[in-house]
Amino acid sequence: MELSGDRGVHHRQKDAQGRLLAHGLLTATLPTKLGGDLDYIARTMTFEFLKPVYAGDALDCLGVVDTVKPGRAFTRVSFSFTVTNQASVVVMKGSSSGVIAAS
């Protein structure tokens, strides 16, 4: 909350089970981590937040390379991704397109 500046009540009040709701963009950092590992520069990113994520949830992100178009200076790529929680429920999905610099 301090880092994002989002002080929405929904992030500050615990639910009936005593959990705090995580910020959506915190969940969205998972696919950006995958891209960072590849030196990928995103041009577009879309996120669909399907289910809530709570403090203490364990999340997995699966990224799939959908297209690869090699070029002289850059390779254009597109990805799709899903994020699941510890109960194997998809909590977020999305896609991204961008480039990887030629080495």
PDB file of N, CA and C in Angstrom:
ATOM      1  N   MET A   1       0.822  -1.174   0.000  1.00  0.00           N
ATOM      2  CA  MET A   1       0.000   0.000   0.000  1.00  0.00           C
ATOM      3  C   MET A   1       0.872   1.246   0.000  1.00  0.00           C
ATOM      4  N   GLU A   2       1.911   1.264   0.793  1.00  0.00           N
ATOM      5  CA  GLU A   2       2.782   2.433   0.839  1.00  0.00           C
ATOM      6  C   GLU A   2       3.495   2.647  -0.489  1.00  0.00           C
ATOM      7  N   LEU A   3       3.958   1.567  -1.094  1.00  0.00           N
ATOM      8  CA  LEU A   3       4.703   1.668  -2.342  1.00  0.00           C
ATOM      9  C   LEU A   3       3.817   2.121  -3.493  1.00  0.00           C
ATOM     10  N   SER A   4       2.626   1.563  -3.615  1.00  0.00           N
ATOM     11  CA  SER A   4       1.749   1.890  -4.738  1.00  0.00           C
ATOM     12  C   SER A   4       0.993   3.197  -4.530  1.00  0.00           C
ATOM     13  N   GLY A   5       0.780   3.584  -3.295  1.00  0.00           N
ATOM     14  CA  GLY A   5      -0.032   4.761  -3.015  1.00  0.00           C
ATOM     15  C   GLY A   5      -1.525   4.480  -3.101  1.00  0.00           C
ATOM     16  N   ASP A   6      -1.900   3.251  -3.403  1.00  0.00           N
ATOM     17  CA  ASP A   6      -3.310   2.862  -3.483  1.00  0.00           C
ATOM     18  C   ASP A   6      -3.819   2.624  -2.072  1.00  0.00           C
ATOM     19  N   ARG A   7      -4.618   3.515  -1.609  1.00  0.00           N
ATOM     20  CA  ARG A   7      -5.147   3.408  -0.249  1.00  0.00           C
ATOM     21  C   ARG A   7      -6.622   3.010  -0.237  1.00  0.00           C
ATOM     22  N   GLY A   8      -7.044   2.327  -1.292  1.00  0.00           N
ATOM     23  CA  GLY A   8      -8.432   1.869  -1.367  1.00  0.00           C
ATOM     24  C   GLY A   8      -8.805   1.022  -0.163  1.00  0.00           C
ATOM     25  N   VAL A   9     -10.013   1.232   0.328  1.00  0.00           N
ATOM     26  CA  VAL A   9     -10.496   0.498   1.497  1.00  0.00           C
ATOM     27  C   VAL A   9     -10.397  -1.006   1.271  1.00  0.00           C
ATOM     28  N   HIS A  10     -10.637  -1.447   0.043  1.00  0.00           N
ATOM     29  CA  HIS A  10     -10.600  -2.882  -0.256  1.00  0.00           C
ATOM     30  C   HIS A  10      -9.218  -3.492  -0.045  1.00  0.00           C
ATOM     31  N   HIS A  11      -8.177  -2.666   0.036  1.00  0.00           N
ATOM     32  CA  HIS A  11      -6.823  -3.171   0.316  1.00  0.00           C
ATOM     33  C   HIS A  11      -6.439  -3.015   1.782  1.00  0.00           C
ATOM     34  N   ARG A  12      -7.258  -2.341   2.551  1.00  0.00           N
ATOM     35  CA  ARG A  12      -6.917  -2.071   3.951  1.00  0.00           C
ATOM     36  C   ARG A  12      -7.779  -2.833   4.943  1.00  0.00           C
ATOM     37  N   GLN A  13      -8.929  -3.319   4.498  1.00  0.00           N
ATOM     38  CA  GLN A  13      -9.818  -4.045   5.401  1.00  0.00           C
ATOM     39  C   GLN A  13      -9.775  -5.534   5.084  1.00  0.00           C
ATOM     40  N   LYS A  14      -9.630  -6.329   6.115  1.00  0.00           N
ATOM     41  CA  LYS A  14      -9.587  -7.780   5.933  1.00  0.00           C
ATOM     42  C   LYS A  14     -10.971  -8.300   5.568  1.00  0.00           C
ATOM     43  N   ASP A  15     -10.985  -9.366   4.775  1.00  0.00           N
ATOM     44  CA  ASP A  15     -12.257  -9.988   4.407  1.00  0.00           C
ATOM     45  C   ASP A  15     -12.752 -10.869   5.561  1.00  0.00           C
ATOM     46  N   ALA A  16     -13.850 -11.571   5.341  1.00  0.00           N
ATOM     47  CA  ALA A  16     -14.463 -12.402   6.385  1.00  0.00           C
ATOM     48  C   ALA A  16     -13.530 -13.504   6.870  1.00  0.00           C
ATOM     49  N   GLN A  17     -12.531 -13.857   6.049  1.00  0.00           N
ATOM     50  CA  GLN A  17     -11.582 -14.902   6.438  1.00  0.00           C
ATOM     51  C   GLN A  17     -10.280 -14.316   6.982  1.00  0.00           C
ATOM     52  N   GLY A  18     -10.245 -13.004   7.198  1.00  0.00           N
ATOM     53  CA  GLY A  18      -9.081 -12.349   7.790  1.00  0.00           C
ATOM     54  C   GLY A  18      -7.952 -12.059   6.814  1.00  0.00           C
ATOM     55  N   ARG A  19      -8.249 -12.036   5.511  1.00  0.00           N
ATOM     56  CA  ARG A  19      -7.217 -11.837   4.486  1.00  0.00           C
ATOM     57  C   ARG A  19      -7.271 -10.415   3.927  1.00  0.00           C
ATOM     58  N   LEU A  20      -6.111  -9.914   3.529  1.00  0.00           N
ATOM     59  CA  LEU A  20      -6.025  -8.639   2.836  1.00  0.00           C
ATOM     60  C   LEU A  20      -5.916  -8.871   1.341  1.00  0.00           C
ATOM     61  N   LEU A  21      -6.638  -8.080   0.565  1.00  0.00           N
ATOM     62  CA  LEU A  21      -6.631  -8.173  -0.889  1.00  0.00           C
ATOM     63  C   LEU A  21      -5.346  -7.560  -1.434  1.00  0.00           C
ATOM     64  N   ALA A  22      -4.658  -8.305  -2.288  1.00  0.00           N
ATOM     65  CA  ALA A  22      -3.425  -7.809  -2.913  1.00  0.00           C
ATOM     66  C   ALA A  22      -3.763  -6.841  -4.040  1.00  0.00           C
ATOM     67  N   HIS A  23      -2.848  -5.949  -4.340  1.00  0.00           N
ATOM     68  CA  HIS A  23      -2.999  -5.031  -5.462  1.00  0.00           C
ATOM     69  C   HIS A  23      -2.885  -5.814  -6.770  1.00  0.00           C
ATOM     70  N   GLY A  24      -3.753  -5.538  -7.718  1.00  0.00           N
ATOM     71  CA  GLY A  24      -3.733  -6.243  -8.995  1.00  0.00           C
ATOM     72  C   GLY A  24      -2.408  -6.107  -9.716  1.00  0.00           C
ATOM     73  N   LEU A  25      -1.849  -4.902  -9.693  1.00  0.00           N
ATOM     74  CA  LEU A  25      -0.590  -4.720 -10.418  1.00  0.00           C
ATOM     75  C   LEU A  25       0.580  -5.414  -9.728  1.00  0.00           C
ATOM     76  N   LEU A  26       0.435  -5.754  -8.460  1.00  0.00           N
ATOM     77  CA  LEU A  26       1.451  -6.590  -7.812  1.00  0.00           C
ATOM     78  C   LEU A  26       1.431  -7.980  -8.455  1.00  0.00           C
ATOM     79  N   THR A  27       0.246  -8.521  -8.683  1.00  0.00           N
ATOM     80  CA  THR A  27       0.124  -9.798  -9.387  1.00  0.00           C
ATOM     81  C   THR A  27       0.683  -9.688 -10.798  1.00  0.00           C
ATOM     82  N   ALA A  28       0.452  -8.541 -11.438  1.00  0.00           N
ATOM     83  CA  ALA A  28       0.901  -8.343 -12.820  1.00  0.00           C
ATOM     84  C   ALA A  28       2.419  -8.252 -12.952  1.00  0.00           C
ATOM     85  N   THR A  29       3.140  -8.137 -11.851  1.00  0.00           N
ATOM     86  CA  THR A  29       4.603  -8.131 -11.956  1.00  0.00           C
ATOM     87  C   THR A  29       5.158  -9.504 -12.325  1.00  0.00           C
ATOM     88  N   LEU A  30       4.381 -10.563 -12.131  1.00  0.00           N
ATOM     89  CA  LEU A  30       4.891 -11.904 -12.448  1.00  0.00           C
ATOM     90  C   LEU A  30       5.230 -12.073 -13.922  1.00  0.00           C
ATOM     91  N   PRO A  31       4.342 -11.743 -14.865  1.00  0.00           N
ATOM     92  CA  PRO A  31       4.742 -11.879 -16.272  1.00  0.00           C
ATOM     93  C   PRO A  31       5.833 -10.884 -16.668  1.00  0.00           C
ATOM     94  N   THR A  32       5.919  -9.742 -16.011  1.00  0.00           N
ATOM     95  CA  THR A  32       6.998  -8.815 -16.354  1.00  0.00           C
ATOM     96  C   THR A  32       8.344  -9.381 -15.915  1.00  0.00           C
ATOM     97  N   LYS A  33       8.360 -10.199 -14.875  1.00  0.00           N
ATOM     98  CA  LYS A  33       9.587 -10.875 -14.446  1.00  0.00           C
ATOM     99  C   LYS A  33      10.043 -11.847 -15.527  1.00  0.00           C
ATOM    100  N   LEU A  34       9.091 -12.588 -16.112  1.00  0.00           N
ATOM    101  CA  LEU A  34       9.449 -13.518 -17.196  1.00  0.00           C
ATOM    102  C   LEU A  34      10.080 -12.755 -18.358  1.00  0.00           C
ATOM    103  N   GLY A  35       9.482 -11.635 -18.732  1.00  0.00           N
ATOM    104  CA  GLY A  35      10.026 -10.824 -19.815  1.00  0.00           C
ATOM    105  C   GLY A  35      11.391 -10.258 -19.488  1.00  0.00           C
ATOM    106  N   GLY A  36      11.582  -9.842 -18.254  1.00  0.00           N
ATOM    107  CA  GLY A  36      12.876  -9.307 -17.842  1.00  0.00           C
ATOM    108  C   GLY A  36      13.989 -10.327 -17.947  1.00  0.00           C
ATOM    109  N   ASP A  37      13.674 -11.577 -17.701  1.00  0.00           N
ATOM    110  CA  ASP A  37      14.671 -12.644 -17.813  1.00  0.00           C
ATOM    111  C   ASP A  37      15.154 -12.812 -19.252  1.00  0.00           C
ATOM    112  N   LEU A  38      14.342 -12.374 -20.222  1.00  0.00           N
ATOM    113  CA  LEU A  38      14.680 -12.508 -21.646  1.00  0.00           C
ATOM    114  C   LEU A  38      15.175 -11.202 -22.265  1.00  0.00           C
ATOM    115  N   ASP A  39      15.353 -10.155 -21.452  1.00  0.00           N
ATOM    116  CA  ASP A  39      15.676  -8.817 -21.965  1.00  0.00           C
ATOM    117  C   ASP A  39      14.634  -8.354 -22.972  1.00  0.00           C
ATOM    118  N   TYR A  40      13.415  -8.667 -22.689  1.00  0.00           N
ATOM    119  CA  TYR A  40      12.256  -8.349 -23.518  1.00  0.00           C
ATOM    120  C   TYR A  40      11.787  -6.930 -23.202  1.00  0.00           C
ATOM    121  N   ILE A  41      11.510  -6.155 -24.223  1.00  0.00           N
ATOM    122  CA  ILE A  41      10.982  -4.804 -24.061  1.00  0.00           C
ATOM    123  C   ILE A  41       9.529  -4.828 -24.531  1.00  0.00           C
ATOM    124  N   ALA A  42       8.620  -4.695 -23.588  1.00  0.00           N
ATOM    125  CA  ALA A  42       7.195  -4.754 -23.920  1.00  0.00           C
ATOM    126  C   ALA A  42       6.760  -3.474 -24.619  1.00  0.00           C
ATOM    127  N   ARG A  43       5.934  -3.637 -25.626  1.00  0.00           N
ATOM    128  CA  ARG A  43       5.277  -2.498 -26.268  1.00  0.00           C
ATOM    129  C   ARG A  43       3.818  -2.438 -25.858  1.00  0.00           C
ATOM    130  N   THR A  44       3.206  -3.588 -25.682  1.00  0.00           N
ATOM    131  CA  THR A  44       1.828  -3.655 -25.196  1.00  0.00           C
ATOM    132  C   THR A  44       1.731  -4.753 -24.144  1.00  0.00           C
ATOM    133  N   MET A  45       0.846  -4.544 -23.188  1.00  0.00           N
ATOM    134  CA  MET A  45       0.539  -5.567 -22.191  1.00  0.00           C
ATOM    135  C   MET A  45      -0.932  -5.432 -21.838  1.00  0.00           C
ATOM    136  N   THR A  46      -1.621  -6.560 -21.777  1.00  0.00           N
ATOM    137  CA  THR A  46      -3.003  -6.565 -21.332  1.00  0.00           C
ATOM    138  C   THR A  46      -3.130  -7.550 -20.176  1.00  0.00           C
ATOM    139  N   PHE A  47      -3.954  -7.187 -19.233  1.00  0.00           N
ATOM    140  CA  PHE A  47      -4.195  -8.029 -18.062  1.00  0.00           C
ATOM    141  C   PHE A  47      -5.692  -8.166 -17.863  1.00  0.00           C
ATOM    142  N   GLU A  48      -6.127  -9.382 -17.564  1.00  0.00           N
ATOM    143  CA  GLU A  48      -7.507  -9.614 -17.184  1.00  0.00           C
ATOM    144  C   GLU A  48      -7.475 -10.237 -15.789  1.00  0.00           C
ATOM    145  N   PHE A  49      -7.971  -9.497 -14.831  1.00  0.00           N
ATOM    146  CA  PHE A  49      -7.967  -9.936 -13.442  1.00  0.00           C
ATOM    147  C   PHE A  49      -9.258 -10.719 -13.200  1.00  0.00           C
ATOM    148  N   LEU A  50      -9.128 -12.032 -13.005  1.00  0.00           N
ATOM    149  CA  LEU A  50     -10.277 -12.923 -12.964  1.00  0.00           C
ATOM    150  C   LEU A  50     -10.775 -13.238 -11.558  1.00  0.00           C
ATOM    151  N   LYS A  51      -9.858 -13.370 -10.628  1.00  0.00           N
ATOM    152  CA  LYS A  51     -10.203 -13.714  -9.245  1.00  0.00           C
ATOM    153  C   LYS A  51      -9.313 -12.904  -8.312  1.00  0.00           C
ATOM    154  N   PRO A  52      -9.762 -12.660  -7.100  1.00  0.00           N
ATOM    155  CA  PRO A  52      -8.928 -11.906  -6.163  1.00  0.00           C
ATOM    156  C   PRO A  52      -7.701 -12.712  -5.723  1.00  0.00           C
ATOM    157  N   VAL A  53      -6.664 -11.975  -5.390  1.00  0.00           N
ATOM    158  CA  VAL A  53      -5.439 -12.536  -4.825  1.00  0.00           C
ATOM    159  C   VAL A  53      -5.271 -11.912  -3.450  1.00  0.00           C
ATOM    160  N   TYR A  54      -4.913 -12.743  -2.476  1.00  0.00           N
ATOM    161  CA  TYR A  54      -4.791 -12.278  -1.097  1.00  0.00           C
ATOM    162  C   TYR A  54      -3.362 -12.430  -0.590  1.00  0.00           C
ATOM    163  N   ALA A  55      -3.011 -11.616   0.396  1.00  0.00           N
ATOM    164  CA  ALA A  55      -1.706 -11.740   1.046  1.00  0.00           C
ATOM    165  C   ALA A  55      -1.543 -13.183   1.510  1.00  0.00           C
ATOM    166  N   GLY A  56      -0.397 -13.758   1.212  1.00  0.00           N
ATOM    167  CA  GLY A  56      -0.118 -15.136   1.595  1.00  0.00           C
ATOM    168  C   GLY A  56      -0.410 -16.161   0.517  1.00  0.00           C
ATOM    169  N   ASP A  57      -1.109 -15.765  -0.549  1.00  0.00           N
ATOM    170  CA  ASP A  57      -1.353 -16.700  -1.649  1.00  0.00           C
ATOM    171  C   ASP A  57      -0.030 -17.051  -2.327  1.00  0.00           C
ATOM    172  N   ALA A  58       0.067 -18.277  -2.813  1.00  0.00           N
ATOM    173  CA  ALA A  58       1.214 -18.722  -3.605  1.00  0.00           C
ATOM    174  C   ALA A  58       0.776 -18.718  -5.070  1.00  0.00           C
ATOM    175  N   LEU A  59       1.519 -18.000  -5.917  1.00  0.00           N
ATOM    176  CA  LEU A  59       1.138 -17.843  -7.311  1.00  0.00           C
ATOM    177  C   LEU A  59       2.172 -18.436  -8.249  1.00  0.00           C
ATOM    178  N   ASP A  60       1.697 -18.984  -9.359  1.00  0.00           N
ATOM    179  CA  ASP A  60       2.561 -19.472 -10.431  1.00  0.00           C
ATOM    180  C   ASP A  60       2.168 -18.753 -11.704  1.00  0.00           C
ATOM    181  N   CYS A  61       3.166 -18.401 -12.516  1.00  0.00           N
ATOM    182  CA  CYS A  61       2.919 -17.731 -13.787  1.00  0.00           C
ATOM    183  C   CYS A  61       3.481 -18.604 -14.905  1.00  0.00           C
ATOM    184  N   LEU A  62       2.643 -18.901 -15.872  1.00  0.00           N
ATOM    185  CA  LEU A  62       3.060 -19.671 -17.038  1.00  0.00           C
ATOM    186  C   LEU A  62       2.981 -18.760 -18.253  1.00  0.00           C
ATOM    187  N   GLY A  63       4.117 -18.546 -18.903  1.00  0.00           N
ATOM    188  CA  GLY A  63       4.166 -17.739 -20.107  1.00  0.00           C
ATOM    189  C   GLY A  63       4.393 -18.618 -21.323  1.00  0.00           C
ATOM    190  N   VAL A  64       3.706 -18.305 -22.412  1.00  0.00           N
ATOM    191  CA  VAL A  64       3.826 -19.049 -23.661  1.00  0.00           C
ATOM    192  C   VAL A  64       4.208 -18.065 -24.760  1.00  0.00           C
ATOM    193  N   VAL A  65       5.247 -18.400 -25.519  1.00  0.00           N
ATOM    194  CA  VAL A  65       5.628 -17.576 -26.665  1.00  0.00           C
ATOM    195  C   VAL A  65       4.688 -17.951 -27.805  1.00  0.00           C
ATOM    196  N   ASP A  66       3.904 -16.981 -28.265  1.00  0.00           N
ATOM    197  CA  ASP A  66       2.925 -17.243 -29.315  1.00  0.00           C
ATOM    198  C   ASP A  66       3.488 -16.994 -30.712  1.00  0.00           C
ATOM    199  N   THR A  67       4.273 -15.935 -30.881  1.00  0.00           N
ATOM    200  CA  THR A  67       4.863 -15.643 -32.191  1.00  0.00           C
ATOM    201  C   THR A  67       6.285 -15.134 -32.027  1.00  0.00           C
ATOM    202  N   VAL A  68       7.107 -15.423 -33.018  1.00  0.00           N
ATOM    203  CA  VAL A  68       8.489 -14.941 -33.086  1.00  0.00           C
ATOM    204  C   VAL A  68       8.738 -14.510 -34.521  1.00  0.00           C
ATOM    205  N   LYS A  69       9.145 -13.243 -34.704  1.00  0.00           N
ATOM    206  CA  LYS A  69       9.442 -12.725 -36.041  1.00  0.00           C
ATOM    207  C   LYS A  69      10.817 -12.072 -36.007  1.00  0.00           C
ATOM    208  N   PRO A  70      11.859 -12.820 -36.409  1.00  0.00           N
ATOM    209  CA  PRO A  70      13.219 -12.276 -36.375  1.00  0.00           C
ATOM    210  C   PRO A  70      13.376 -11.095 -37.337  1.00  0.00           C
ATOM    211  N   GLY A  71      14.157 -10.133 -36.901  1.00  0.00           N
ATOM    212  CA  GLY A  71      14.491  -8.980 -37.729  1.00  0.00           C
ATOM    213  C   GLY A  71      15.964  -8.668 -37.573  1.00  0.00           C
ATOM    214  N   ARG A  72      16.427  -7.643 -38.278  1.00  0.00           N
ATOM    215  CA  ARG A  72      17.843  -7.296 -38.231  1.00  0.00           C
ATOM    216  C   ARG A  72      18.268  -6.764 -36.867  1.00  0.00           C
ATOM    217  N   ALA A  73      17.521  -5.805 -36.342  1.00  0.00           N
ATOM    218  CA  ALA A  73      17.894  -5.191 -35.070  1.00  0.00           C
ATOM    219  C   ALA A  73      17.134  -5.780 -33.884  1.00  0.00           C
ATOM    220  N   PHE A  74      15.912  -6.251 -34.136  1.00  0.00           N
ATOM    221  CA  PHE A  74      15.066  -6.770 -33.070  1.00  0.00           C
ATOM    222  C   PHE A  74      14.348  -8.022 -33.535  1.00  0.00           C
ATOM    223  N   THR A  75      14.022  -8.857 -32.569  1.00  0.00           N
ATOM    224  CA  THR A  75      13.112  -9.965 -32.816  1.00  0.00           C
ATOM    225  C   THR A  75      11.787  -9.585 -32.183  1.00  0.00           C
ATOM    226  N   ARG A  76      10.739  -9.566 -32.988  1.00  0.00           N
ATOM    227  CA  ARG A  76       9.405  -9.250 -32.470  1.00  0.00           C
ATOM    228  C   ARG A  76       8.792 -10.532 -31.914  1.00  0.00           C
ATOM    229  N   VAL A  77       8.221 -10.419 -30.722  1.00  0.00           N
ATOM    230  CA  VAL A  77       7.627 -11.587 -30.078  1.00  0.00           C
ATOM    231  C   VAL A  77       6.284 -11.205 -29.453  1.00  0.00           C
ATOM    232  N   SER A  78       5.449 -12.200 -29.289  1.00  0.00           N
ATOM    233  CA  SER A  78       4.223 -12.015 -28.514  1.00  0.00           C
ATOM    234  C   SER A  78       4.086 -13.193 -27.558  1.00  0.00           C
ATOM    235  N   PHE A  79       3.557 -12.900 -26.400  1.00  0.00           N
ATOM    236  CA  PHE A  79       3.391 -13.875 -25.327  1.00  0.00           C
ATOM    237  C   PHE A  79       1.946 -13.891 -24.870  1.00  0.00           C
ATOM    238  N   SER A  80       1.527 -15.001 -24.317  1.00  0.00           N
ATOM    239  CA  SER A  80       0.309 -15.048 -23.514  1.00  0.00           C
ATOM    240  C   SER A  80       0.714 -15.661 -22.175  1.00  0.00           C
ATOM    241  N   PHE A  81      -0.036 -15.367 -21.164  1.00  0.00           N
ATOM    242  CA  PHE A  81       0.332 -15.876 -19.841  1.00  0.00           C
ATOM    243  C   PHE A  81      -0.903 -16.081 -18.986  1.00  0.00           C
ATOM    244  N   THR A  82      -0.765 -16.989 -18.016  1.00  0.00           N
ATOM    245  CA  THR A  82      -1.790 -17.217 -17.001  1.00  0.00           C
ATOM    246  C   THR A  82      -1.103 -17.258 -15.642  1.00  0.00           C
ATOM    247  N   VAL A  83      -1.805 -16.758 -14.644  1.00  0.00           N
ATOM    248  CA  VAL A  83      -1.328 -16.802 -13.262  1.00  0.00           C
ATOM    249  C   VAL A  83      -2.357 -17.596 -12.468  1.00  0.00           C
ATOM    250  N   THR A  84      -1.881 -18.613 -11.753  1.00  0.00           N
ATOM    251  CA  THR A  84      -2.766 -19.442 -10.935  1.00  0.00           C
ATOM    252  C   THR A  84      -2.359 -19.353  -9.473  1.00  0.00           C
ATOM    253  N   ASN A  85      -3.334 -19.587  -8.589  1.00  0.00           N
ATOM    254  CA  ASN A  85      -3.033 -19.586  -7.160  1.00  0.00           C
ATOM    255  C   ASN A  85      -2.772 -21.006  -6.671  1.00  0.00           C
ATOM    256  N   GLN A  86      -2.590 -21.142  -5.380  1.00  0.00           N
ATOM    257  CA  GLN A  86      -2.239 -22.431  -4.777  1.00  0.00           C
ATOM    258  C   GLN A  86      -3.333 -23.485  -4.962  1.00  0.00           C
ATOM    259  N   ALA A  87      -4.552 -23.072  -5.290  1.00  0.00           N
ATOM    260  CA  ALA A  87      -5.645 -24.014  -5.546  1.00  0.00           C
ATOM    261  C   ALA A  87      -5.809 -24.294  -7.043  1.00  0.00           C
ATOM    262  N   SER A  88      -4.812 -23.881  -7.841  1.00  0.00           N
ATOM    263  CA  SER A  88      -4.822 -24.049  -9.303  1.00  0.00           C
ATOM    264  C   SER A  88      -5.951 -23.268  -9.985  1.00  0.00           C
ATOM    265  N   VAL A  89      -6.413 -22.214  -9.343  1.00  0.00           N
ATOM    266  CA  VAL A  89      -7.436 -21.341  -9.911  1.00  0.00           C
ATOM    267  C   VAL A  89      -6.732 -20.229 -10.687  1.00  0.00           C
ATOM    268  N   VAL A  90      -7.164 -19.995 -11.929  1.00  0.00           N
ATOM    269  CA  VAL A  90      -6.589 -18.907 -12.722  1.00  0.00           C
ATOM    270  C   VAL A  90      -7.099 -17.584 -12.161  1.00  0.00           C
ATOM    271  N   VAL A  91      -6.166 -16.761 -11.682  1.00  0.00           N
ATOM    272  CA  VAL A  91      -6.530 -15.478 -11.083  1.00  0.00           C
ATOM    273  C   VAL A  91      -6.298 -14.312 -12.036  1.00  0.00           C
ATOM    274  N   MET A  92      -5.433 -14.514 -13.037  1.00  0.00           N
ATOM    275  CA  MET A  92      -5.153 -13.457 -13.998  1.00  0.00           C
ATOM    276  C   MET A  92      -4.667 -14.099 -15.283  1.00  0.00           C
ATOM    277  N   LYS A  93      -5.002 -13.484 -16.405  1.00  0.00           N
ATOM    278  CA  LYS A  93      -4.443 -13.908 -17.679  1.00  0.00           C
ATOM    279  C   LYS A  93      -4.206 -12.661 -18.509  1.00  0.00           C
ATOM    280  N   GLY A  94      -3.392 -12.814 -19.539  1.00  0.00           N
ATOM    281  CA  GLY A  94      -3.120 -11.660 -20.367  1.00  0.00           C
ATOM    282  C   GLY A  94      -2.194 -11.979 -21.518  1.00  0.00           C
ATOM    283  N   SER A  95      -1.720 -10.913 -22.135  1.00  0.00           N
ATOM    284  CA  SER A  95      -0.823 -11.062 -23.276  1.00  0.00           C
ATOM    285  C   SER A  95       0.083  -9.853 -23.369  1.00  0.00           C
ATOM    286  N   SER A  96       1.111 -10.000 -24.173  1.00  0.00           N
ATOM    287  CA  SER A  96       2.062  -8.914 -24.367  1.00  0.00           C
ATOM    288  C   SER A  96       2.733  -9.078 -25.724  1.00  0.00           C
ATOM    289  N   SER A  97       3.083  -7.961 -26.328  1.00  0.00           N
ATOM    290  CA  SER A  97       3.894  -8.004 -27.531  1.00  0.00           C
ATOM    291  C   SER A  97       5.012  -6.993 -27.373  1.00  0.00           C
ATOM    292  N   GLY A  98       6.134  -7.290 -27.996  1.00  0.00           N
ATOM    293  CA  GLY A  98       7.282  -6.412 -27.868  1.00  0.00           C
ATOM    294  C   GLY A  98       8.468  -6.935 -28.662  1.00  0.00           C
ATOM    295  N   VAL A  99       9.657  -6.553 -28.207  1.00  0.00           N
ATOM    296  CA  VAL A  99      10.863  -6.905 -28.955  1.00  0.00           C
ATOM    297  C   VAL A  99      11.961  -7.375 -28.007  1.00  0.00           C
ATOM    298  N   ILE A 100      12.864  -8.146 -28.595  1.00  0.00           N
ATOM    299  CA  ILE A 100      14.116  -8.533 -27.940  1.00  0.00           C
ATOM    300  C   ILE A 100      15.224  -8.062 -28.879  1.00  0.00           C
ATOM    301  N   ALA A 101      16.177  -7.282 -28.354  1.00  0.00           N
ATOM    302  CA  ALA A 101      17.263  -6.769 -29.191  1.00  0.00           C
ATOM    303  C   ALA A 101      18.117  -7.903 -29.714  1.00  0.00           C
ATOM    304  N   ALA A 102      18.522  -7.788 -30.976  1.00  0.00           N
ATOM    305  CA  ALA A 102      19.421  -8.771 -31.578  1.00  0.00           C
ATOM    306  C   ALA A 102      20.775  -8.671 -30.893  1.00  0.00           C
ATOM    307  N   SER A 103      21.411  -9.795 -30.698  1.00  0.00           N
ATOM    308  CA  SER A 103      22.726  -9.766 -30.036  1.00  0.00           C
ATOM    309  C   SER A 103      23.857  -9.841 -31.049  1.00  0.00           C
TER     310      SER A 103
END
